[in-house]
Protein backbone atom coordinates (compact mmCIF):
# COMPACT_ATOMS: atom_id res chain seq x y z
CA UNK A 1 -80.04 24.21 -0.36
CA UNK A 2 -76.57 24.12 -1.86
CA UNK A 3 -75.60 22.41 -5.10
CA UNK A 4 -72.40 20.67 -6.12
CA UNK A 5 -71.32 20.63 -9.76
CA UNK A 6 -68.95 17.89 -10.84
CA UNK A 7 -67.01 17.21 -14.01
CA UNK A 8 -65.81 13.79 -12.86
CA UNK A 9 -66.44 10.77 -15.06
CA UNK A 10 -68.25 8.84 -12.34
CA UNK A 11 -70.04 9.54 -9.08
CA UNK A 12 -68.23 9.47 -5.75
CA UNK A 13 -69.53 8.21 -2.40
CA UNK A 14 -67.86 10.16 0.38
CA UNK A 15 -67.92 8.04 3.55
CA UNK A 16 -68.23 9.85 6.87
CA UNK A 17 -66.68 7.88 9.73
CA UNK A 18 -67.49 7.68 13.41
CA UNK A 19 -66.42 5.39 16.25
CA UNK A 20 -68.08 2.12 17.25
CA UNK A 21 -68.66 1.13 20.87
CA UNK A 22 -65.28 -0.63 20.78
CA UNK A 23 -63.54 2.46 19.42
CA UNK A 24 -63.18 1.14 15.87
CA UNK A 25 -63.95 3.42 12.92
CA UNK A 26 -67.29 2.72 11.22
CA UNK A 27 -69.14 4.40 8.37
CA UNK A 28 -71.96 6.46 9.83
CA UNK A 29 -73.06 8.16 6.61
CA UNK A 30 -72.36 8.15 2.87
CA UNK A 31 -72.93 11.22 0.72
CA UNK A 32 -73.03 10.68 -3.05
CA UNK A 33 -71.93 13.37 -5.48
CA UNK A 34 -73.11 12.48 -8.98
CA UNK A 35 -70.71 12.19 -11.89
CA UNK A 36 -70.95 11.17 -15.50
CA UNK A 37 -69.63 14.17 -17.40
CA UNK A 38 -68.18 13.14 -20.73
CA UNK A 39 -69.69 9.67 -20.56
CA UNK A 40 -71.36 8.73 -23.80
CA UNK A 41 -74.99 8.02 -23.02
CA UNK A 42 -78.02 8.13 -25.30
CA UNK A 43 -80.30 9.41 -22.56
CA UNK A 44 -78.38 11.98 -20.53
CA UNK A 45 -75.79 14.47 -21.78
CA UNK A 46 -74.24 17.18 -19.63
CA UNK A 47 -71.52 19.21 -21.34
CA UNK A 48 -70.82 21.46 -18.34
CA UNK A 49 -70.97 19.14 -15.36
CA UNK A 50 -73.45 17.12 -13.38
CA UNK A 51 -75.36 18.78 -10.54
CA UNK A 52 -76.06 17.22 -7.14
CA UNK A 53 -78.32 18.87 -4.58
CA UNK A 54 -77.17 18.40 -0.96
CA UNK A 55 -78.42 19.58 2.42
CA UNK A 56 -76.59 22.21 4.45
CA UNK A 57 -75.64 19.53 6.99
CA UNK A 58 -74.22 17.24 4.29
CA UNK A 59 -72.25 20.11 2.79
CA UNK A 60 -70.72 20.85 6.18
CA UNK A 61 -69.60 17.20 6.46
CA UNK A 62 -68.26 17.22 2.90
CA UNK A 63 -66.27 20.42 3.40
CA UNK A 64 -64.35 18.63 6.18
CA UNK A 65 -63.77 15.45 4.13
CA UNK A 66 -60.16 15.15 2.83
CA UNK A 67 -61.08 13.52 -0.52
CA UNK A 68 -63.78 16.13 -1.18
CA UNK A 69 -61.23 18.87 -0.45
CA UNK A 70 -58.79 17.26 -2.88
CA UNK A 71 -61.41 17.05 -5.66
CA UNK A 72 -62.44 20.65 -5.02
CA UNK A 73 -58.83 21.93 -5.10
CA UNK A 74 -58.20 20.00 -8.35
CA UNK A 75 -61.13 21.84 -9.95
CA UNK A 76 -63.41 18.84 -10.52
CA UNK A 77 -66.02 19.96 -7.98
CA UNK A 78 -67.55 23.33 -7.26
CA UNK A 79 -69.98 24.25 -4.47
CA UNK A 80 -72.83 26.62 -5.31
CA UNK A 81 -74.78 27.98 -2.35
CA UNK A 82 -77.35 29.87 -4.43
CA UNK A 83 -80.26 28.81 -6.60
CA UNK A 84 -78.25 29.69 -9.72
CA UNK A 85 -75.78 26.88 -10.38
CA UNK A 86 -72.35 28.25 -11.32
CA UNK A 87 -70.39 26.04 -13.73
CA UNK A 88 -67.51 28.40 -14.51
CA UNK A 89 -63.88 27.59 -13.71
CA UNK A 90 -64.40 23.81 -13.60
CA UNK A 91 -61.98 21.42 -15.22
CA UNK A 92 -63.49 20.19 -18.48
CA UNK A 93 -63.39 16.53 -17.40
CA UNK A 94 -61.29 14.14 -15.37
CA UNK A 95 -58.78 11.66 -16.77
CA UNK A 96 -61.26 8.77 -16.68
CA UNK A 97 -63.72 10.41 -19.09
CA UNK A 98 -64.26 8.81 -22.49
CA UNK A 99 -62.55 10.35 -25.50
CA UNK A 100 -64.71 12.37 -27.86
CA UNK A 101 -63.99 13.76 -31.32
CA UNK A 102 -62.67 17.11 -30.09
CA UNK A 103 -60.06 15.34 -27.91
CA UNK A 104 -58.39 14.06 -31.08
CA UNK A 105 -58.58 17.38 -32.93
CA UNK A 106 -56.98 19.19 -29.96
CA UNK A 107 -53.93 16.95 -30.44
CA UNK A 108 -53.89 17.52 -34.21
CA UNK A 109 -55.07 14.01 -35.01
CA UNK A 110 -58.08 12.69 -36.88
CA UNK A 111 -60.84 11.03 -34.88
CA UNK A 112 -61.58 7.38 -35.69
CA UNK A 113 -64.71 6.57 -37.69
CA UNK A 114 -67.73 5.65 -35.60
CA UNK A 115 -70.90 3.97 -36.81
CA UNK A 116 -73.75 6.23 -35.75
CA UNK A 117 -77.09 4.48 -35.67
């Protein structure tokens, strides 16, 4: 089974459309790719991306989806078809991710004080 690694700040539901009896477009399936990289959370931390396991059939549908293609070309998503999940060459995070201390130091600024409990 293939895996998808994502460095997006939140998960994405990719809607697959079909036609209704009247010829109108309807959602026939939704495939969720998990996100949450860079989100401050006391329970779950993933510095190199979040992994989602998908079926071969779902991957085939995703590869044809225009938004999935756009995320993949932008470097926020990577498809791994082996058991070893490859997290190289991914963008560090998307623009919606929360700021962390190293984001300030990269810009030559000092990070604000945070009460750590």
